C-alpha atoms as a PDB file:
ATOM      1  CA  UNK A   1     -13.861 -10.176   3.104  1.00  0.00           C
ATOM      2  CA  UNK A   2     -10.093 -10.012   3.158  1.00  0.00           C
ATOM      3  CA  UNK A   3      -7.714 -11.160   0.481  1.00  0.00           C
ATOM      4  CA  UNK A   4      -5.516 -13.739   0.613  1.00  0.00           C
ATOM      5  CA  UNK A   5      -1.933 -12.755   1.664  1.00  0.00           C
ATOM      6  CA  UNK A   6       0.984 -14.454  -0.284  1.00  0.00           C
ATOM      7  CA  UNK A   7       4.380 -15.212   1.888  1.00  0.00           C
ATOM      8  CA  UNK A   8       5.885 -13.013  -0.512  1.00  0.00           C
ATOM      9  CA  UNK A   9       3.607 -10.048   0.197  1.00  0.00           C
ATOM     10  CA  UNK A  10       3.635 -10.480   4.120  1.00  0.00           C
ATOM     11  CA  UNK A  11       7.584 -10.312   3.974  1.00  0.00           C
ATOM     12  CA  UNK A  12       7.563  -7.252   1.884  1.00  0.00           C
ATOM     13  CA  UNK A  13       5.178  -5.610   4.246  1.00  0.00           C
ATOM     14  CA  UNK A  14       7.661  -6.416   7.036  1.00  0.00           C
ATOM     15  CA  UNK A  15      10.572  -5.540   5.123  1.00  0.00           C
ATOM     16  CA  UNK A  16       9.077  -2.243   4.492  1.00  0.00           C
ATOM     17  CA  UNK A  17       8.997  -1.461   7.981  1.00  0.00           C
ATOM     18  CA  UNK A  18      12.964  -1.781   8.083  1.00  0.00           C
ATOM     19  CA  UNK A  19      13.896   0.685   5.720  1.00  0.00           C
ATOM     20  CA  UNK A  20      16.851   2.535   6.644  1.00  0.00           C
ATOM     21  CA  UNK A  21      15.294   5.972   5.586  1.00  0.00           C
ATOM     22  CA  UNK A  22      11.677   7.049   5.194  1.00  0.00           C
ATOM     23  CA  UNK A  23      10.171   6.929   1.650  1.00  0.00           C
ATOM     24  CA  UNK A  24       9.014  10.355   0.185  1.00  0.00           C
ATOM     25  CA  UNK A  25       5.183  11.168   0.585  1.00  0.00           C
ATOM     26  CA  UNK A  26       4.352  10.039  -2.767  1.00  0.00           C
ATOM     27  CA  UNK A  27       6.095   6.880  -2.196  1.00  0.00           C
ATOM     28  CA  UNK A  28       4.299   6.158   1.166  1.00  0.00           C
ATOM     29  CA  UNK A  29       1.124   6.771  -0.503  1.00  0.00           C
ATOM     30  CA  UNK A  30       1.602   4.267  -3.582  1.00  0.00           C
ATOM     31  CA  UNK A  31       2.655   1.743  -0.684  1.00  0.00           C
ATOM     32  CA  UNK A  32      -0.464   2.771   1.129  1.00  0.00           C
ATOM     33  CA  UNK A  33      -2.876   2.123  -1.575  1.00  0.00           C
ATOM     34  CA  UNK A  34      -1.097  -1.034  -2.951  1.00  0.00           C
ATOM     35  CA  UNK A  35      -1.370  -2.361   0.610  1.00  0.00           C
ATOM     36  CA  UNK A  36      -5.115  -1.673   1.260  1.00  0.00           C
ATOM     37  CA  UNK A  37      -5.785  -2.798  -2.450  1.00  0.00           C
ATOM     38  CA  UNK A  38      -3.944  -5.955  -1.573  1.00  0.00           C
ATOM     39  CA  UNK A  39      -5.518  -6.771   1.724  1.00  0.00           C
ATOM     40  CA  UNK A  40      -9.010  -5.707   1.109  1.00  0.00           C
ATOM     41  CA  UNK A  41      -9.483  -5.658   4.700  1.00  0.00           C
ATOM     42  CA  UNK A  42     -11.906  -3.931   4.666  1.00  0.00           C
ATOM     43  CA  UNK A  43     -12.976  -3.584   0.985  1.00  0.00           C
ATOM     44  CA  UNK A  44     -12.875   0.022  -0.338  1.00  0.00           C
ATOM     45  CA  UNK A  45     -16.898   0.082  -0.840  1.00  0.00           C
ATOM     46  CA  UNK A  46     -17.410  -0.515   3.021  1.00  0.00           C
ATOM     47  CA  UNK A  47     -15.082   2.243   4.323  1.00  0.00           C
ATOM     48  CA  UNK A  48     -16.275   5.560   5.208  1.00  0.00           C
ATOM     49  CA  UNK A  49     -14.794   8.649   3.269  1.00  0.00           C
ATOM     50  CA  UNK A  50     -12.547  10.828   5.602  1.00  0.00           C
ATOM     51  CA  UNK A  51     -14.029  14.305   6.761  1.00  0.00           C
ATOM     52  CA  UNK A  52     -13.126  17.808   4.968  1.00  0.00           C
ATOM     53  CA  UNK A  53     -10.462  18.507   6.948  1.00  0.00           C
ATOM     54  CA  UNK A  54      -8.790  15.143   7.289  1.00  0.00           C
ATOM     55  CA  UNK A  55      -6.333  16.179   4.411  1.00  0.00           C
ATOM     56  CA  UNK A  56      -3.726  13.398   5.349  1.00  0.00           C
ATOM     57  CA  UNK A  57      -6.719  10.847   5.384  1.00  0.00           C
ATOM     58  CA  UNK A  58      -7.973  12.132   1.965  1.00  0.00           C
ATOM     59  CA  UNK A  59      -4.658  11.532   0.371  1.00  0.00           C
ATOM     60  CA  UNK A  60      -4.430   7.910   1.502  1.00  0.00           C
ATOM     61  CA  UNK A  61      -7.846   7.067   0.536  1.00  0.00           C
ATOM     62  CA  UNK A  62      -7.293   9.067  -3.088  1.00  0.00           C
ATOM     63  CA  UNK A  63      -4.415   6.635  -3.521  1.00  0.00           C
ATOM     64  CA  UNK A  64      -6.294   3.797  -2.957  1.00  0.00           C
ATOM     65  CA  UNK A  65      -9.405   5.086  -5.162  1.00  0.00           C
ATOM     66  CA  UNK A  66      -7.227   5.229  -7.904  1.00  0.00           C
ATOM     67  CA  UNK A  67      -6.133   1.705  -7.669  1.00  0.00           C
ATOM     68  CA  UNK A  68      -9.875   0.666  -7.390  1.00  0.00           C
ATOM     69  CA  UNK A  69     -10.515   2.844 -10.082  1.00  0.00           C
ATOM     70  CA  UNK A  70      -8.091   1.284 -12.289  1.00  0.00           C
ATOM     71  CA  UNK A  71      -9.620  -2.109 -11.301  1.00  0.00           C
ATOM     72  CA  UNK A  72      -6.577  -3.564  -9.905  1.00  0.00           C
ATOM     73  CA  UNK A  73      -7.030  -7.084  -8.420  1.00  0.00           C
ATOM     74  CA  UNK A  74      -5.810  -7.779  -4.886  1.00  0.00           C
ATOM     75  CA  UNK A  75      -3.275 -10.194  -6.291  1.00  0.00           C
ATOM     76  CA  UNK A  76      -1.991  -7.632  -8.888  1.00  0.00           C
ATOM     77  CA  UNK A  77      -1.726  -5.068  -5.875  1.00  0.00           C
ATOM     78  CA  UNK A  78       0.421  -7.531  -4.163  1.00  0.00           C
ATOM     79  CA  UNK A  79       2.769  -7.884  -6.913  1.00  0.00           C
ATOM     80  CA  UNK A  80       3.044  -4.251  -7.249  1.00  0.00           C
ATOM     81  CA  UNK A  81       3.585  -3.908  -3.584  1.00  0.00           C
ATOM     82  CA  UNK A  82       6.190  -6.392  -3.476  1.00  0.00           C
ATOM     83  CA  UNK A  83       7.960  -4.872  -6.526  1.00  0.00           C
ATOM     84  CA  UNK A  84       7.975  -1.428  -4.904  1.00  0.00           C
ATOM     85  CA  UNK A  85       9.368  -2.499  -1.675  1.00  0.00           C
ATOM     86  CA  UNK A  86      12.099  -4.215  -3.607  1.00  0.00           C
ATOM     87  CA  UNK A  87      13.080  -1.077  -5.167  1.00  0.00           C
ATOM     88  CA  UNK A  88      12.760   1.058  -1.905  1.00  0.00           C
ATOM     89  CA  UNK A  89      15.314  -1.302  -0.041  1.00  0.00           C
ATOM     90  CA  UNK A  90      17.674  -0.653  -2.892  1.00  0.00           C
ATOM     91  CA  UNK A  91      17.233   3.268  -2.994  1.00  0.00           C
ATOM     92  CA  UNK A  92      16.914   3.609   0.897  1.00  0.00           C
ATOM     93  CA  UNK A  93      18.720   0.947   2.218  1.00  0.00           C
ATOM     94  CA  UNK A  94      17.375  -2.229   4.294  1.00  0.00           C
ATOM     95  CA  UNK A  95      18.133  -2.937   8.029  1.00  0.00           C
ATOM     96  CA  UNK A  96      17.001  -6.593   7.676  1.00  0.00           C
END
């Protein structure tokens, strides 16, 4: 079941698409993991592991797995996502 998304989280998701420069791969993986954990759509347990040669998908799943292992709630993931996006807006600029 998908997690309830706050208005602030939804705005941060939109804002993340309007950064003036592309964040680093590490930052993008953190954004991905927090987004997936924050939305729970679908829940991690219902997703299929990527194939052996799907390196990008494996990295993304690993970023999400880390949050699952830390038992980060959807609400906490959304708060962390918002904070990260606000930091990225300061770092890379924002075209909003």
